[in-house]
Amino acid sequence: MKYNYSLIILNWKRPKNVIEIVQKVYDYPYIDEIIISNGHPNTILTFTELSKIRSFDDTINNKYYGLDLRFLRGVSAKNNKLIIMDDDIVIDHSNLTKLLTHYEKNPNKLVGIEGRNMEHDYHYGKVGWKSVECDIVLTRLVVCDKVLCELFFRCKPIIEHVYKQGVPYGNGEDIFLSFIAKLFYKVEKHTLVIGLNIKELPNNNSIHMTTTHIPYRKHLCEYLKLNRELLRNVIHNQNSYLTIQQKPEPPKIVSPTIIQQKTKPSKIISRTFRQAYTKHPVHYNTSIKKKEPSSNVNAQTDVKYIKVGNKYIIRKK
């Protein structure tokens, strides 16, 4: 193998599965880091005596990231090459080597064992029997580059109002990762490796059993295709005036409120000073003794004090 890999596993409600996976792959020579993200408070696993393993208590992060925790932990991985695996399968060394060999032949694609297609009028569906190409690589087992995790979070605000409809939150992360990977690498398809010997583990509490699973994923695929050019420009940092399709208008920007005393200013204040104001009233720091204004200034009724940064400026009203 040309690379070293970091393995990322989400632990939710099947800790026995995670333990079995770790036991199987821990001695694999090209995996020198195993990251366990624990999302449920009652099933947290720690592996204090195993130096390869980094185990995280992500019970709070899970509320905000959901299934995206795998990419959040991917960003912090020490290796640039990642193996992302669900907790309901296990693979032995020989079959893992076959998978990684396919990846290293062309690392500018995702490589996995199971996929779906989306570039048709149905928007989401299974691939053909024994197909070695697909549009979407399922994250049951996928090999990818770390940079895609960073791109995932860069592009995610564009789809958030659709993405948050998934149950649980993060459902569709495989669709989005695969889509932005095709745009990033400028490829039409990803790679599937068929004929591997994969052992299935108990999969109670699986998300694909919900009735809204397929309709939601179809909707997400359709939305991504509508906004393909916008995402392409974001990924490649190109300036663009493209707008998001079918997205509500962004909130209007409210200008900062001008700080004033009892009487309103009779003149329009310049834009330079307006930007310096804050929208909250000025509160003086009682720990610093404020100098009293001179008597001749106090006698004037047409002046006011304006805070600009850490200074106070006296101006006529």
Protein backbone atom coordinates (compact mmCIF):
# COMPACT_ATOMS: atom_id res chain seq x y z
CA MET A 1 0.00 0.00 0.00
CA LYS A 2 1.16 3.55 -0.78
CA TYR A 3 -0.77 5.24 2.05
CA ASN A 4 -1.55 4.93 5.72
CA TYR A 5 -5.22 5.19 6.62
CA SER A 6 -7.41 6.45 9.46
CA LEU A 7 -10.50 4.34 10.15
CA ILE A 8 -13.60 6.22 11.38
CA ILE A 9 -16.54 4.47 13.06
CA LEU A 10 -19.67 5.98 14.63
CA ASN A 11 -20.78 4.20 17.80
CA TRP A 12 -24.44 4.72 18.59
CA LYS A 13 -26.45 1.81 20.00
CA ARG A 14 -24.41 -1.19 18.85
CA PRO A 15 -21.22 -1.12 20.94
CA LYS A 16 -20.72 -4.89 20.63
CA ASN A 17 -20.49 -4.48 16.86
CA VAL A 18 -17.86 -1.75 17.22
CA ILE A 19 -15.78 -3.95 19.53
CA GLU A 20 -15.89 -6.79 17.00
CA ILE A 21 -14.82 -4.46 14.18
CA VAL A 22 -11.91 -3.11 16.22
CA GLN A 23 -10.73 -6.60 17.09
CA LYS A 24 -10.76 -7.56 13.41
CA VAL A 25 -8.92 -4.56 11.92
CA TYR A 26 -6.70 -3.37 14.76
CA ASP A 27 -3.63 -5.28 13.55
CA TYR A 28 -4.05 -4.29 9.91
CA PRO A 29 -0.65 -2.74 9.07
CA TYR A 30 -1.90 0.17 6.94
CA ILE A 31 -4.44 1.43 9.49
CA ASP A 32 -2.43 3.34 12.08
CA GLU A 33 -5.34 5.31 13.55
CA ILE A 34 -8.85 4.24 14.55
CA ILE A 35 -11.29 7.01 15.50
CA ILE A 36 -14.41 6.10 17.48
CA SER A 37 -17.12 8.77 17.74
CA ASN A 38 -19.48 7.91 20.63
CA GLY A 39 -22.83 9.59 20.05
CA HIS A 40 -24.96 7.95 22.76
CA PRO A 41 -24.34 8.58 26.47
CA ASN A 42 -25.17 5.00 27.47
CA THR A 43 -22.80 3.22 25.07
CA ILE A 44 -19.52 5.14 25.27
CA LEU A 45 -16.49 2.96 24.51
CA THR A 46 -12.98 3.73 25.69
CA PHE A 47 -9.87 1.84 24.62
CA THR A 48 -7.24 3.23 26.97
CA GLU A 49 -4.68 0.47 26.39
CA LEU A 50 -4.84 0.48 22.59
CA SER A 51 -2.56 3.18 21.24
CA LYS A 52 -4.05 3.29 17.73
CA ILE A 53 -7.50 4.24 19.00
CA ARG A 54 -8.81 7.75 19.65
CA SER A 55 -12.21 7.58 21.30
CA PHE A 56 -14.37 10.72 21.55
CA ASP A 57 -17.39 11.49 23.71
CA ASP A 58 -19.55 13.16 21.06
CA THR A 59 -22.86 12.95 22.91
CA ILE A 60 -23.26 16.73 22.85
CA ASN A 61 -21.92 17.15 19.32
CA ASN A 62 -24.37 14.50 18.15
CA LYS A 63 -27.27 16.90 18.77
CA TYR A 64 -25.86 19.29 16.19
CA TYR A 65 -23.97 17.07 13.74
CA GLY A 66 -25.80 13.74 13.76
CA LEU A 67 -24.36 11.43 11.12
CA ASP A 68 -22.04 14.23 10.00
CA LEU A 69 -19.88 13.39 13.02
CA ARG A 70 -17.97 10.98 10.79
CA PHE A 71 -16.80 13.93 8.67
CA LEU A 72 -16.17 16.15 11.66
CA ARG A 73 -13.79 13.51 13.00
CA GLY A 74 -12.39 12.99 9.51
CA VAL A 75 -11.23 16.62 9.46
CA SER A 76 -9.15 15.98 12.59
CA ALA A 77 -7.68 12.65 11.42
CA LYS A 78 -3.89 12.47 11.26
CA ASN A 79 -3.87 10.77 7.83
CA ASN A 80 -5.09 12.23 4.55
CA LYS A 81 -6.66 8.93 3.51
CA LEU A 82 -9.77 7.78 5.35
CA ILE A 83 -11.79 4.58 5.65
CA ILE A 84 -15.32 5.32 6.83
CA MET A 85 -17.25 2.31 8.06
CA ASP A 86 -20.70 1.70 9.54
CA ASP A 87 -21.02 -0.40 12.67
CA ASP A 88 -23.06 -3.18 11.05
CA ILE A 89 -20.37 -4.81 8.88
CA VAL A 90 -16.89 -6.23 9.40
CA ILE A 91 -14.18 -6.93 6.84
CA ASP A 92 -11.04 -9.07 7.14
CA HIS A 93 -7.49 -8.09 6.14
CA SER A 94 -7.50 -9.81 2.76
CA ASN A 95 -10.69 -8.18 1.52
CA LEU A 96 -9.71 -4.82 2.95
CA THR A 97 -6.48 -4.99 0.95
CA LYS A 98 -8.46 -5.63 -2.23
CA LEU A 99 -10.62 -2.60 -1.52
CA LEU A 100 -7.65 -0.31 -0.84
CA THR A 101 -5.82 -1.58 -3.91
CA HIS A 102 -8.70 -0.40 -6.09
CA TYR A 103 -8.65 2.96 -4.36
CA GLU A 104 -4.91 3.48 -4.82
CA LYS A 105 -5.21 2.81 -8.53
CA ASN A 106 -7.34 5.96 -8.78
CA PRO A 107 -7.61 7.97 -5.55
CA ASN A 108 -9.53 10.73 -7.37
CA LYS A 109 -12.77 8.88 -6.79
CA LEU A 110 -14.69 7.40 -3.90
CA VAL A 111 -14.36 3.63 -3.60
CA GLY A 112 -16.85 1.48 -1.75
CA ILE A 113 -18.84 -1.74 -1.73
CA GLU A 114 -22.42 -0.54 -2.24
CA GLY A 115 -23.87 2.33 -4.25
CA ARG A 116 -26.86 4.10 -5.74
CA ASN A 117 -27.49 6.16 -8.87
CA MET A 118 -29.09 9.61 -9.10
CA GLU A 119 -28.40 10.91 -12.62
CA HIS A 120 -31.78 9.92 -14.03
CA ASP A 121 -35.39 11.09 -13.86
CA TYR A 122 -36.14 8.97 -10.79
CA HIS A 123 -33.36 10.87 -8.93
CA TYR A 124 -32.46 7.96 -6.65
CA GLY A 125 -32.26 4.22 -7.24
CA LYS A 126 -30.18 1.05 -7.05
CA VAL A 127 -27.31 0.35 -9.41
CA GLY A 128 -27.29 -2.51 -11.88
CA TRP A 129 -26.34 -6.02 -10.82
CA LYS A 130 -22.55 -6.41 -10.61
CA SER A 131 -22.08 -2.77 -11.58
CA VAL A 132 -18.62 -1.37 -10.81
CA GLU A 133 -19.67 2.28 -11.09
CA CYS A 134 -22.19 4.47 -9.29
CA ASP A 135 -23.13 8.08 -8.53
CA ILE A 136 -23.41 7.59 -4.76
CA VAL A 137 -21.17 5.43 -2.61
CA LEU A 138 -22.94 4.43 0.59
CA THR A 139 -21.00 5.13 3.77
CA ARG A 140 -21.39 1.58 4.98
CA LEU A 141 -17.81 1.27 3.77
CA VAL A 142 -16.10 3.98 1.73
CA VAL A 143 -12.50 5.07 1.13
CA CYS A 144 -11.89 8.76 0.49
CA ASP A 145 -9.56 11.69 0.96
CA LYS A 146 -9.66 13.93 4.03
CA VAL A 147 -10.10 17.04 1.88
CA LEU A 148 -13.65 15.94 1.05
CA CYS A 149 -14.62 16.24 4.72
CA GLU A 150 -13.54 19.88 4.66
CA LEU A 151 -15.42 20.51 1.41
CA PHE A 152 -18.50 18.85 2.91
CA PHE A 153 -18.78 21.54 5.59
CA ARG A 154 -17.87 24.34 3.19
CA CYS A 155 -20.74 23.43 0.87
CA LYS A 156 -23.30 22.35 3.46
CA PRO A 157 -24.98 25.75 4.05
CA ILE A 158 -26.29 25.60 0.47
CA ILE A 159 -28.37 22.48 1.20
CA GLU A 160 -29.09 22.94 4.91
CA HIS A 161 -32.80 23.80 4.58
CA VAL A 162 -33.32 20.50 2.70
CA TYR A 163 -30.73 18.49 4.62
CA LYS A 164 -32.32 19.17 8.01
CA GLN A 165 -35.45 17.31 6.91
CA GLY A 166 -33.60 13.98 7.08
CA VAL A 167 -34.29 11.56 9.91
CA PRO A 168 -32.03 11.30 11.79
CA TYR A 169 -30.14 14.50 11.14
CA GLY A 170 -27.34 13.74 8.68
CA ASN A 171 -29.31 11.21 6.67
CA GLY A 172 -28.14 11.81 3.11
CA GLU A 173 -24.54 12.53 4.06
CA ASP A 174 -23.41 9.80 1.63
CA ILE A 175 -25.36 11.45 -1.21
CA PHE A 176 -23.85 14.85 -0.51
CA LEU A 177 -20.29 13.57 -0.06
CA SER A 178 -20.47 11.62 -3.33
CA PHE A 179 -21.94 14.57 -5.21
CA ILE A 180 -19.31 17.10 -4.14
CA ALA A 181 -16.56 14.52 -4.74
CA LYS A 182 -17.62 14.19 -8.38
CA LEU A 183 -17.56 17.97 -8.76
CA PHE A 184 -14.20 18.27 -6.99
CA TYR A 185 -12.46 15.53 -8.98
CA LYS A 186 -14.41 16.30 -12.19
CA VAL A 187 -15.47 12.69 -12.69
CA GLU A 188 -18.75 11.16 -13.81
CA LYS A 189 -18.84 8.07 -11.58
CA HIS A 190 -17.33 6.53 -8.46
CA THR A 191 -15.97 2.99 -8.08
CA LEU A 192 -17.61 -0.08 -6.55
CA VAL A 193 -15.60 -3.18 -5.69
CA ILE A 194 -17.73 -6.28 -6.06
CA GLY A 195 -17.12 -9.81 -4.85
CA LEU A 196 -15.66 -8.90 -1.45
CA ASN A 197 -16.40 -11.10 1.53
CA ILE A 198 -18.20 -8.82 3.99
CA LYS A 199 -19.70 -10.10 7.22
CA GLU A 200 -23.04 -8.55 8.21
CA LEU A 201 -23.54 -7.66 11.87
CA PRO A 202 -26.84 -7.05 13.74
CA ASN A 203 -28.42 -3.87 12.35
CA ASN A 204 -31.27 -3.02 14.69
CA ASN A 205 -32.22 0.71 14.75
CA SER A 206 -31.19 1.17 11.10
CA ILE A 207 -32.33 4.46 9.53
CA HIS A 208 -33.33 2.94 6.17
CA MET A 209 -36.31 1.27 7.84
CA THR A 210 -38.24 4.58 8.21
CA THR A 211 -41.06 5.36 5.75
CA THR A 212 -39.67 8.80 4.87
CA HIS A 213 -36.19 7.53 4.01
CA ILE A 214 -36.51 7.07 0.23
CA PRO A 215 -38.74 10.12 -0.53
CA TYR A 216 -36.36 12.37 1.38
CA ARG A 217 -33.29 11.03 -0.42
CA LYS A 218 -34.96 11.49 -3.81
CA HIS A 219 -35.76 15.10 -2.92
CA LEU A 220 -32.17 15.74 -1.82
CA CYS A 221 -30.78 14.30 -5.07
CA GLU A 222 -33.11 16.43 -7.16
CA TYR A 223 -32.12 19.55 -5.23
CA LEU A 224 -28.41 18.86 -5.64
CA LYS A 225 -28.78 18.49 -9.40
CA LEU A 226 -30.65 21.79 -9.61
CA ASN A 227 -27.78 23.52 -7.81
CA ARG A 228 -24.90 21.70 -9.47
CA GLU A 229 -23.30 24.83 -10.92
CA LEU A 230 -23.53 26.76 -7.67
CA LEU A 231 -21.84 23.94 -5.76
CA ARG A 232 -19.19 23.62 -8.45
CA ASN A 233 -18.32 27.29 -8.07
CA VAL A 234 -18.13 27.05 -4.29
CA ILE A 235 -15.87 24.00 -4.46
CA HIS A 236 -13.48 25.57 -6.93
CA ASN A 237 -13.65 29.06 -5.36
CA GLN A 238 -14.90 30.73 -8.50
CA ASN A 239 -16.70 34.07 -8.37
CA SER A 240 -20.29 33.61 -9.36
CA TYR A 241 -23.60 35.43 -9.35
CA LEU A 242 -25.53 32.18 -9.34
CA THR A 243 -28.31 31.95 -6.78
CA ILE A 244 -29.61 28.93 -4.94
CA GLN A 245 -32.62 27.36 -6.57
CA GLN A 246 -35.76 26.90 -4.46
CA LYS A 247 -34.18 28.42 -1.38
CA PRO A 248 -35.97 31.11 0.70
CA GLU A 249 -34.60 34.63 0.48
CA PRO A 250 -31.80 35.34 2.95
CA PRO A 251 -32.62 37.57 5.94
CA LYS A 252 -32.22 41.28 5.33
CA ILE A 253 -29.14 42.94 6.76
CA VAL A 254 -30.04 45.46 9.45
CA SER A 255 -27.82 48.52 9.70
CA PRO A 256 -26.27 49.22 13.13
CA THR A 257 -28.27 51.60 15.36
CA ILE A 258 -26.72 55.01 15.98
CA ILE A 259 -25.86 55.64 19.65
CA GLN A 260 -27.42 58.78 20.92
CA GLN A 261 -28.36 60.58 24.12
CA LYS A 262 -31.68 62.16 25.04
CA THR A 263 -31.97 64.47 22.03
CA LYS A 264 -31.87 63.23 18.45
CA PRO A 265 -29.13 64.53 16.13
CA SER A 266 -30.32 67.19 13.77
CA LYS A 267 -27.81 66.29 11.06
CA ILE A 268 -27.09 63.08 9.18
CA ILE A 269 -23.93 61.49 10.56
CA SER A 270 -21.34 60.36 8.04
CA ARG A 271 -21.14 56.68 7.05
CA THR A 272 -17.63 56.39 8.51
CA PHE A 273 -18.85 57.24 12.00
CA ARG A 274 -22.05 55.22 11.61
CA GLN A 275 -20.01 52.03 11.06
CA ALA A 276 -18.09 52.72 14.24
CA TYR A 277 -21.19 52.72 16.41
CA THR A 278 -22.52 49.61 18.10
CA LYS A 279 -26.21 48.84 18.33
CA HIS A 280 -26.11 48.54 22.10
CA PRO A 281 -25.99 51.48 24.53
CA VAL A 282 -22.55 52.42 25.79
CA HIS A 283 -21.73 51.06 29.25
CA TYR A 284 -18.76 52.64 30.94
CA ASN A 285 -16.23 50.45 32.68
CA THR A 286 -16.62 51.26 36.36
CA SER A 287 -13.15 49.92 37.10
CA ILE A 288 -11.62 52.81 35.18
CA LYS A 289 -12.01 56.29 36.59
CA LYS A 290 -13.64 58.45 33.92
CA LYS A 291 -12.35 61.99 33.57
CA GLU A 292 -14.97 64.62 34.19
CA PRO A 293 -15.50 67.00 31.29
CA SER A 294 -14.34 70.54 31.82
CA SER A 295 -16.85 73.08 33.08
CA ASN A 296 -16.91 74.99 29.82
CA VAL A 297 -17.88 71.80 27.93
CA ASN A 298 -20.55 70.91 30.49
CA ALA A 299 -22.12 74.28 29.98
CA GLN A 300 -22.69 73.55 26.33
CA THR A 301 -26.04 72.03 25.45
CA ASP A 302 -25.25 71.18 21.86
CA VAL A 303 -22.59 68.50 22.37
CA LYS A 304 -22.67 64.73 22.93
CA TYR A 305 -20.22 61.94 23.66
CA ILE A 306 -19.72 59.18 21.07
CA LYS A 307 -17.76 55.98 21.71
CA VAL A 308 -15.47 55.00 18.80
CA GLY A 309 -13.44 51.90 19.68
CA ASN A 310 -11.99 52.51 23.14
CA LYS A 311 -12.17 56.30 22.88
CA TYR A 312 -14.88 58.88 23.46
CA ILE A 313 -15.27 61.65 20.90
CA ILE A 314 -17.07 64.91 21.66
CA ARG A 315 -19.14 66.13 18.75
CA LYS A 316 -21.64 68.86 18.21
CA LYS A 317 -25.23 67.80 17.80
